[in-house]
């Protein structure tokens, strides 16, 4: 997955899992059962928002007991976070930050850009953003869960790749974390603002052009000194 290796490298940091959240030893999770829980939770959080979704309703629809759900996810915020993690990893399946070629940042950043745009334009993610940004007094645990499992984790994974690219000499970057944030921020312009406002979404052709333009712009800014001089 896109975020797995970078998260392991940052264990204990912002993308690392808090020790108190780690499950102790015991009966392993049933993957099929957990898939049902996460799919149902995603549906309820998307349709009803964080406050409107209930563990009782998720348990009833998924066919997994409330007791079992709480055994795996002690709080509603943790279930919400697991759902966001699952959604991000599904979107970035096949785009592994640890496997992308550090000598070919154009290809890597293009793959990342396409996956990120696809995630940001998806109706469920747009609805989560509207809910969390627009709610008055939103549960801080829900907001923190969304931030850690979504934006923070994606930025950390891109920074992980950029560190490898810097080591390979294919980019000239002083602060990979800042550079990762800047690269992803290039996709949050007018197209995304229109999406959040419920107006028309950019077409696939427009988003493909956006990815190409953003990759070109970013690589011009971080080109190694020798290459930058050669272009002059």
C-alpha atoms as a PDB file:
ATOM      1  CA  UNK A   1       0.000   0.000   0.000  1.00  0.00           C
ATOM      2  CA  UNK A   2       1.006   3.610  -0.574  1.00  0.00           C
ATOM      3  CA  UNK A   3       1.356   4.516   3.096  1.00  0.00           C
ATOM      4  CA  UNK A   4       2.486   1.319   4.804  1.00  0.00           C
ATOM      5  CA  UNK A   5       6.258   1.555   4.490  1.00  0.00           C
ATOM      6  CA  UNK A   6       6.449   5.254   5.202  1.00  0.00           C
ATOM      7  CA  UNK A   7       4.324   4.765   8.301  1.00  0.00           C
ATOM      8  CA  UNK A   8       6.660   2.079   9.574  1.00  0.00           C
ATOM      9  CA  UNK A   9       9.590   4.403   9.067  1.00  0.00           C
ATOM     10  CA  UNK A  10       7.776   7.064  11.099  1.00  0.00           C
ATOM     11  CA  UNK A  11       6.548   4.810  13.892  1.00  0.00           C
ATOM     12  CA  UNK A  12       5.954   6.935  16.941  1.00  0.00           C
ATOM     13  CA  UNK A  13       5.695  10.104  14.809  1.00  0.00           C
ATOM     14  CA  UNK A  14       2.578  11.773  13.438  1.00  0.00           C
ATOM     15  CA  UNK A  15       1.817   8.872  11.074  1.00  0.00           C
ATOM     16  CA  UNK A  16       2.754   6.185  13.581  1.00  0.00           C
ATOM     17  CA  UNK A  17       0.054   4.432  15.513  1.00  0.00           C
ATOM     18  CA  UNK A  18      -0.299   5.482  19.099  1.00  0.00           C
ATOM     19  CA  UNK A  19       0.825   2.620  21.372  1.00  0.00           C
ATOM     20  CA  UNK A  20      -2.429   2.753  23.321  1.00  0.00           C
ATOM     21  CA  UNK A  21      -4.298   2.081  20.077  1.00  0.00           C
ATOM     22  CA  UNK A  22      -2.406  -1.124  19.339  1.00  0.00           C
ATOM     23  CA  UNK A  23      -4.452  -4.239  19.831  1.00  0.00           C
ATOM     24  CA  UNK A  24      -3.174  -6.648  22.397  1.00  0.00           C
ATOM     25  CA  UNK A  25      -2.773 -10.347  21.755  1.00  0.00           C
ATOM     26  CA  UNK A  26      -5.876 -12.415  21.410  1.00  0.00           C
ATOM     27  CA  UNK A  27      -8.173 -13.761  18.775  1.00  0.00           C
ATOM     28  CA  UNK A  28      -7.179 -12.337  15.356  1.00  0.00           C
ATOM     29  CA  UNK A  29      -9.608 -10.242  13.386  1.00  0.00           C
ATOM     30  CA  UNK A  30     -11.801 -11.974  10.837  1.00  0.00           C
ATOM     31  CA  UNK A  31     -10.940 -10.150   7.540  1.00  0.00           C
ATOM     32  CA  UNK A  32     -14.343 -10.807   5.954  1.00  0.00           C
ATOM     33  CA  UNK A  33     -16.173  -9.596   9.032  1.00  0.00           C
ATOM     34  CA  UNK A  34     -14.011  -6.500   9.317  1.00  0.00           C
ATOM     35  CA  UNK A  35     -14.546  -5.736   5.620  1.00  0.00           C
ATOM     36  CA  UNK A  36     -18.304  -5.743   6.248  1.00  0.00           C
ATOM     37  CA  UNK A  37     -17.935  -3.472   9.256  1.00  0.00           C
ATOM     38  CA  UNK A  38     -15.706  -0.984   7.407  1.00  0.00           C
ATOM     39  CA  UNK A  39     -17.910  -0.960   4.297  1.00  0.00           C
ATOM     40  CA  UNK A  40     -21.013  -0.362   6.398  1.00  0.00           C
ATOM     41  CA  UNK A  41     -19.281   2.264   8.532  1.00  0.00           C
ATOM     42  CA  UNK A  42     -18.137   4.113   5.405  1.00  0.00           C
ATOM     43  CA  UNK A  43     -21.717   4.154   4.122  1.00  0.00           C
ATOM     44  CA  UNK A  44     -23.148   5.445   7.396  1.00  0.00           C
ATOM     45  CA  UNK A  45     -20.463   8.097   7.959  1.00  0.00           C
ATOM     46  CA  UNK A  46     -20.904   9.295   4.369  1.00  0.00           C
ATOM     47  CA  UNK A  47     -24.709   9.374   4.476  1.00  0.00           C
ATOM     48  CA  UNK A  48     -25.238  10.637   8.020  1.00  0.00           C
ATOM     49  CA  UNK A  49     -22.005  12.418   8.925  1.00  0.00           C
ATOM     50  CA  UNK A  50     -19.890  11.609  11.960  1.00  0.00           C
ATOM     51  CA  UNK A  51     -22.444  12.719  14.535  1.00  0.00           C
ATOM     52  CA  UNK A  52     -25.385  11.091  12.772  1.00  0.00           C
ATOM     53  CA  UNK A  53     -23.773   7.683  12.300  1.00  0.00           C
ATOM     54  CA  UNK A  54     -24.304   5.215  15.143  1.00  0.00           C
ATOM     55  CA  UNK A  55     -22.520   2.015  16.142  1.00  0.00           C
ATOM     56  CA  UNK A  56     -25.914   0.397  16.753  1.00  0.00           C
ATOM     57  CA  UNK A  57     -26.998   0.999  13.162  1.00  0.00           C
ATOM     58  CA  UNK A  58     -23.626  -0.100  11.766  1.00  0.00           C
ATOM     59  CA  UNK A  59     -23.770  -3.300  13.803  1.00  0.00           C
ATOM     60  CA  UNK A  60     -27.328  -4.059  12.690  1.00  0.00           C
ATOM     61  CA  UNK A  61     -26.624  -3.558   8.986  1.00  0.00           C
ATOM     62  CA  UNK A  62     -23.220  -5.279   8.932  1.00  0.00           C
ATOM     63  CA  UNK A  63     -24.434  -8.291  10.888  1.00  0.00           C
ATOM     64  CA  UNK A  64     -21.513  -7.928  13.296  1.00  0.00           C
ATOM     65  CA  UNK A  65     -22.392  -7.530  16.948  1.00  0.00           C
ATOM     66  CA  UNK A  66     -21.867  -4.216  18.691  1.00  0.00           C
ATOM     67  CA  UNK A  67     -19.720  -5.997  21.285  1.00  0.00           C
ATOM     68  CA  UNK A  68     -17.414  -7.326  18.558  1.00  0.00           C
ATOM     69  CA  UNK A  69     -17.141  -3.937  16.873  1.00  0.00           C
ATOM     70  CA  UNK A  70     -16.177  -2.281  20.160  1.00  0.00           C
ATOM     71  CA  UNK A  71     -13.627  -5.025  20.788  1.00  0.00           C
ATOM     72  CA  UNK A  72     -11.870  -4.075  17.553  1.00  0.00           C
ATOM     73  CA  UNK A  73     -12.631  -0.335  17.651  1.00  0.00           C
ATOM     74  CA  UNK A  74     -13.085   0.875  21.264  1.00  0.00           C
ATOM     75  CA  UNK A  75     -14.459   4.260  20.175  1.00  0.00           C
ATOM     76  CA  UNK A  76     -16.474   5.634  17.296  1.00  0.00           C
ATOM     77  CA  UNK A  77     -13.499   7.848  16.391  1.00  0.00           C
ATOM     78  CA  UNK A  78     -11.271   4.793  15.978  1.00  0.00           C
ATOM     79  CA  UNK A  79     -13.815   3.148  13.676  1.00  0.00           C
ATOM     80  CA  UNK A  80     -14.002   6.388  11.689  1.00  0.00           C
ATOM     81  CA  UNK A  81     -10.219   6.494  11.448  1.00  0.00           C
ATOM     82  CA  UNK A  82     -10.027   2.859  10.326  1.00  0.00           C
ATOM     83  CA  UNK A  83     -12.551   3.611   7.605  1.00  0.00           C
ATOM     84  CA  UNK A  84     -10.530   6.583   6.358  1.00  0.00           C
ATOM     85  CA  UNK A  85      -7.323   4.504   6.385  1.00  0.00           C
ATOM     86  CA  UNK A  86      -9.052   1.755   4.411  1.00  0.00           C
ATOM     87  CA  UNK A  87     -10.371   4.299   1.880  1.00  0.00           C
ATOM     88  CA  UNK A  88      -6.966   5.925   1.357  1.00  0.00           C
ATOM     89  CA  UNK A  89      -5.161   2.615   0.990  1.00  0.00           C
ATOM     90  CA  UNK A  90      -7.752   1.392  -1.529  1.00  0.00           C
ATOM     91  CA  UNK A  91      -7.292   4.562  -3.595  1.00  0.00           C
ATOM     92  CA  UNK A  92      -3.497   4.251  -3.548  1.00  0.00           C
ATOM     93  CA  UNK A  93      -3.383   0.482  -4.104  1.00  0.00           C
ATOM     94  CA  UNK A  94      -0.433  -0.225  -6.375  1.00  0.00           C
ATOM     95  CA  UNK A  95       1.220   3.111  -5.581  1.00  0.00           C
ATOM     96  CA  UNK A  96       3.699   2.074  -2.905  1.00  0.00           C
ATOM     97  CA  UNK A  97       5.970   4.884  -1.715  1.00  0.00           C
ATOM     98  CA  UNK A  98       8.656   2.328  -0.939  1.00  0.00           C
ATOM     99  CA  UNK A  99       8.521   0.788  -4.412  1.00  0.00           C
ATOM    100  CA  UNK A 100       8.370   3.905  -6.599  1.00  0.00           C
ATOM    101  CA  UNK A 101      11.606   4.513  -8.507  1.00  0.00           C
ATOM    102  CA  UNK A 102      13.533   7.297  -6.720  1.00  0.00           C
ATOM    103  CA  UNK A 103      15.462   7.944  -9.954  1.00  0.00           C
ATOM    104  CA  UNK A 104      12.285   8.691 -11.880  1.00  0.00           C
ATOM    105  CA  UNK A 105      10.356  11.346  -9.925  1.00  0.00           C
ATOM    106  CA  UNK A 106       8.283  12.342 -12.952  1.00  0.00           C
ATOM    107  CA  UNK A 107       6.703   8.916 -13.169  1.00  0.00           C
ATOM    108  CA  UNK A 108       6.318   8.585  -9.403  1.00  0.00           C
ATOM    109  CA  UNK A 109       4.779  12.023  -8.889  1.00  0.00           C
ATOM    110  CA  UNK A 110       2.420  11.441 -11.812  1.00  0.00           C
ATOM    111  CA  UNK A 111       1.136   8.224 -10.228  1.00  0.00           C
ATOM    112  CA  UNK A 112       0.770   9.959  -6.870  1.00  0.00           C
ATOM    113  CA  UNK A 113      -0.965  12.947  -8.442  1.00  0.00           C
ATOM    114  CA  UNK A 114      -3.499  10.823 -10.319  1.00  0.00           C
ATOM    115  CA  UNK A 115      -4.357   8.807  -7.214  1.00  0.00           C
ATOM    116  CA  UNK A 116      -4.636  11.929  -5.070  1.00  0.00           C
ATOM    117  CA  UNK A 117      -6.908  13.725  -7.532  1.00  0.00           C
ATOM    118  CA  UNK A 118      -9.083  10.620  -7.773  1.00  0.00           C
ATOM    119  CA  UNK A 119      -9.392  10.561  -3.997  1.00  0.00           C
ATOM    120  CA  UNK A 120     -10.134  14.252  -3.613  1.00  0.00           C
ATOM    121  CA  UNK A 121     -12.776  14.275  -6.357  1.00  0.00           C
ATOM    122  CA  UNK A 122     -14.647  11.225  -5.022  1.00  0.00           C
ATOM    123  CA  UNK A 123     -18.141  11.975  -3.632  1.00  0.00           C
ATOM    124  CA  UNK A 124     -17.559  10.265  -0.273  1.00  0.00           C
ATOM    125  CA  UNK A 125     -14.380  12.235   0.456  1.00  0.00           C
ATOM    126  CA  UNK A 126     -16.013  15.497  -0.610  1.00  0.00           C
ATOM    127  CA  UNK A 127     -18.919  14.803   1.728  1.00  0.00           C
ATOM    128  CA  UNK A 128     -16.552  14.018   4.633  1.00  0.00           C
ATOM    129  CA  UNK A 129     -14.770  17.331   4.026  1.00  0.00           C
ATOM    130  CA  UNK A 130     -18.023  19.269   3.972  1.00  0.00           C
ATOM    131  CA  UNK A 131     -19.198  17.584   7.163  1.00  0.00           C
ATOM    132  CA  UNK A 132     -16.001  18.106   9.130  1.00  0.00           C
ATOM    133  CA  UNK A 133     -15.213  21.605   7.890  1.00  0.00           C
ATOM    134  CA  UNK A 134     -18.761  22.871   8.199  1.00  0.00           C
ATOM    135  CA  UNK A 135     -19.846  21.351  11.504  1.00  0.00           C
ATOM    136  CA  UNK A 136     -20.000  23.613  14.524  1.00  0.00           C
ATOM    137  CA  UNK A 137     -18.221  22.022  17.484  1.00  0.00           C
ATOM    138  CA  UNK A 138     -17.326  18.864  15.564  1.00  0.00           C
ATOM    139  CA  UNK A 139     -15.973  16.087  17.760  1.00  0.00           C
ATOM    140  CA  UNK A 140     -12.209  16.801  18.070  1.00  0.00           C
ATOM    141  CA  UNK A 141     -11.535  13.053  18.046  1.00  0.00           C
ATOM    142  CA  UNK A 142     -13.284  12.733  14.678  1.00  0.00           C
ATOM    143  CA  UNK A 143     -11.361  15.664  13.204  1.00  0.00           C
ATOM    144  CA  UNK A 144      -8.058  14.334  14.535  1.00  0.00           C
ATOM    145  CA  UNK A 145      -8.832  10.847  13.223  1.00  0.00           C
ATOM    146  CA  UNK A 146      -9.606  12.189   9.762  1.00  0.00           C
ATOM    147  CA  UNK A 147      -6.479  14.343   9.728  1.00  0.00           C
ATOM    148  CA  UNK A 148      -4.139  11.572  10.885  1.00  0.00           C
ATOM    149  CA  UNK A 149      -5.521   8.795   8.670  1.00  0.00           C
ATOM    150  CA  UNK A 150      -6.002  10.991   5.607  1.00  0.00           C
ATOM    151  CA  UNK A 151      -4.027  14.197   4.954  1.00  0.00           C
ATOM    152  CA  UNK A 152      -1.195  13.547   7.424  1.00  0.00           C
ATOM    153  CA  UNK A 153      -0.601   9.995   6.268  1.00  0.00           C
ATOM    154  CA  UNK A 154      -0.593  10.907   2.576  1.00  0.00           C
ATOM    155  CA  UNK A 155       1.837  13.805   3.089  1.00  0.00           C
ATOM    156  CA  UNK A 156       4.128  11.548   5.151  1.00  0.00           C
ATOM    157  CA  UNK A 157       4.139   8.944   2.376  1.00  0.00           C
ATOM    158  CA  UNK A 158       5.022  11.512  -0.309  1.00  0.00           C
ATOM    159  CA  UNK A 159       7.770  12.903   1.939  1.00  0.00           C
ATOM    160  CA  UNK A 160       9.094   9.350   2.363  1.00  0.00           C
ATOM    161  CA  UNK A 161       9.378   9.034  -1.427  1.00  0.00           C
ATOM    162  CA  UNK A 162      10.999  12.467  -1.784  1.00  0.00           C
ATOM    163  CA  UNK A 163      13.670  11.534   0.761  1.00  0.00           C
ATOM    164  CA  UNK A 164      14.538   8.514  -1.363  1.00  0.00           C
ATOM    165  CA  UNK A 165      14.580  10.670  -4.507  1.00  0.00           C
ATOM    166  CA  UNK A 166      16.846  13.203  -2.797  1.00  0.00           C
ATOM    167  CA  UNK A 167      19.213  10.426  -1.796  1.00  0.00           C
ATOM    168  CA  UNK A 168      19.232   9.195  -5.401  1.00  0.00           C
ATOM    169  CA  UNK A 169      20.111  12.724  -6.568  1.00  0.00           C
ATOM    170  CA  UNK A 170      17.019  13.134  -8.740  1.00  0.00           C
ATOM    171  CA  UNK A 171      15.607  16.076  -6.759  1.00  0.00           C
ATOM    172  CA  UNK A 172      17.146  18.924  -4.808  1.00  0.00           C
ATOM    173  CA  UNK A 173      15.009  19.328  -1.689  1.00  0.00           C
ATOM    174  CA  UNK A 174      15.961  20.726   1.709  1.00  0.00           C
ATOM    175  CA  UNK A 175      12.764  19.857   3.556  1.00  0.00           C
ATOM    176  CA  UNK A 176      10.937  16.789   2.127  1.00  0.00           C
ATOM    177  CA  UNK A 177       7.977  17.215   4.492  1.00  0.00           C
ATOM    178  CA  UNK A 178       7.385  20.794   3.352  1.00  0.00           C
ATOM    179  CA  UNK A 179       7.928  19.829  -0.301  1.00  0.00           C
ATOM    180  CA  UNK A 180       5.396  16.987  -0.030  1.00  0.00           C
ATOM    181  CA  UNK A 181       2.851  19.369   1.465  1.00  0.00           C
ATOM    182  CA  UNK A 182       3.497  21.884  -1.306  1.00  0.00           C
ATOM    183  CA  UNK A 183       3.177  19.285  -4.073  1.00  0.00           C
ATOM    184  CA  UNK A 184      -0.166  17.961  -2.849  1.00  0.00           C
ATOM    185  CA  UNK A 185      -1.437  21.498  -2.243  1.00  0.00           C
ATOM    186  CA  UNK A 186      -1.122  22.154  -5.976  1.00  0.00           C
ATOM    187  CA  UNK A 187      -4.229  19.982  -6.426  1.00  0.00           C
ATOM    188  CA  UNK A 188      -6.438  21.975  -4.048  1.00  0.00           C
ATOM    189  CA  UNK A 189      -7.211  24.905  -6.327  1.00  0.00           C
ATOM    190  CA  UNK A 190     -10.365  26.012  -8.141  1.00  0.00           C
ATOM    191  CA  UNK A 191     -11.377  22.516  -9.231  1.00  0.00           C
ATOM    192  CA  UNK A 192     -11.492  21.303  -5.649  1.00  0.00           C
ATOM    193  CA  UNK A 193     -13.190  24.448  -4.411  1.00  0.00           C
ATOM    194  CA  UNK A 194     -15.937  23.932  -7.000  1.00  0.00           C
ATOM    195  CA  UNK A 195     -16.290  20.316  -5.867  1.00  0.00           C
ATOM    196  CA  UNK A 196     -16.694  21.328  -2.227  1.00  0.00           C
ATOM    197  CA  UNK A 197     -19.293  23.917  -3.222  1.00  0.00           C
ATOM    198  CA  UNK A 198     -21.322  21.282  -5.062  1.00  0.00           C
ATOM    199  CA  UNK A 199     -20.619  22.784  -8.483  1.00  0.00           C
ATOM    200  CA  UNK A 200     -19.460  20.845 -11.535  1.00  0.00           C
ATOM    201  CA  UNK A 201     -16.357  18.694 -11.158  1.00  0.00           C
ATOM    202  CA  UNK A 202     -13.397  19.005 -13.531  1.00  0.00           C
ATOM    203  CA  UNK A 203     -13.458  16.470 -16.360  1.00  0.00           C
ATOM    204  CA  UNK A 204     -10.957  13.611 -16.494  1.00  0.00           C
ATOM    205  CA  UNK A 205      -9.216  15.431 -19.321  1.00  0.00           C
ATOM    206  CA  UNK A 206      -8.903  18.566 -17.200  1.00  0.00           C
ATOM    207  CA  UNK A 207      -7.591  16.591 -14.216  1.00  0.00           C
ATOM    208  CA  UNK A 208      -5.063  14.755 -16.395  1.00  0.00           C
ATOM    209  CA  UNK A 209      -3.827  18.118 -17.679  1.00  0.00           C
ATOM    210  CA  UNK A 210      -3.652  19.388 -14.091  1.00  0.00           C
ATOM    211  CA  UNK A 211      -1.478  16.435 -13.050  1.00  0.00           C
ATOM    212  CA  UNK A 212       0.922  17.000 -15.965  1.00  0.00           C
ATOM    213  CA  UNK A 213       1.165  20.733 -15.247  1.00  0.00           C
ATOM    214  CA  UNK A 214       1.702  20.234 -11.507  1.00  0.00           C
ATOM    215  CA  UNK A 215       4.398  17.609 -12.010  1.00  0.00           C
ATOM    216  CA  UNK A 216       6.190  19.898 -14.496  1.00  0.00           C
ATOM    217  CA  UNK A 217       5.964  22.892 -12.148  1.00  0.00           C
ATOM    218  CA  UNK A 218       7.151  20.939  -9.109  1.00  0.00           C
ATOM    219  CA  UNK A 219      10.053  19.280 -10.912  1.00  0.00           C
ATOM    220  CA  UNK A 220      11.269  22.596 -12.295  1.00  0.00           C
ATOM    221  CA  UNK A 221      11.378  23.895  -8.735  1.00  0.00           C
ATOM    222  CA  UNK A 222      13.276  20.915  -7.289  1.00  0.00           C
ATOM    223  CA  UNK A 223      15.561  20.049 -10.197  1.00  0.00           C
ATOM    224  CA  UNK A 224      19.147  19.276  -9.143  1.00  0.00           C
ATOM    225  CA  UNK A 225      21.456  22.248  -9.638  1.00  0.00           C
ATOM    226  CA  UNK A 226      23.299  20.742 -12.627  1.00  0.00           C
ATOM    227  CA  UNK A 227      20.075  20.086 -14.514  1.00  0.00           C
ATOM    228  CA  UNK A 228      18.712  23.532 -13.672  1.00  0.00           C
ATOM    229  CA  UNK A 229      21.869  25.158 -15.104  1.00  0.00           C
ATOM    230  CA  UNK A 230      21.656  23.005 -18.246  1.00  0.00           C
ATOM    231  CA  UNK A 231      18.169  24.337 -19.008  1.00  0.00           C
ATOM    232  CA  UNK A 232      19.321  27.951 -18.931  1.00  0.00           C
END
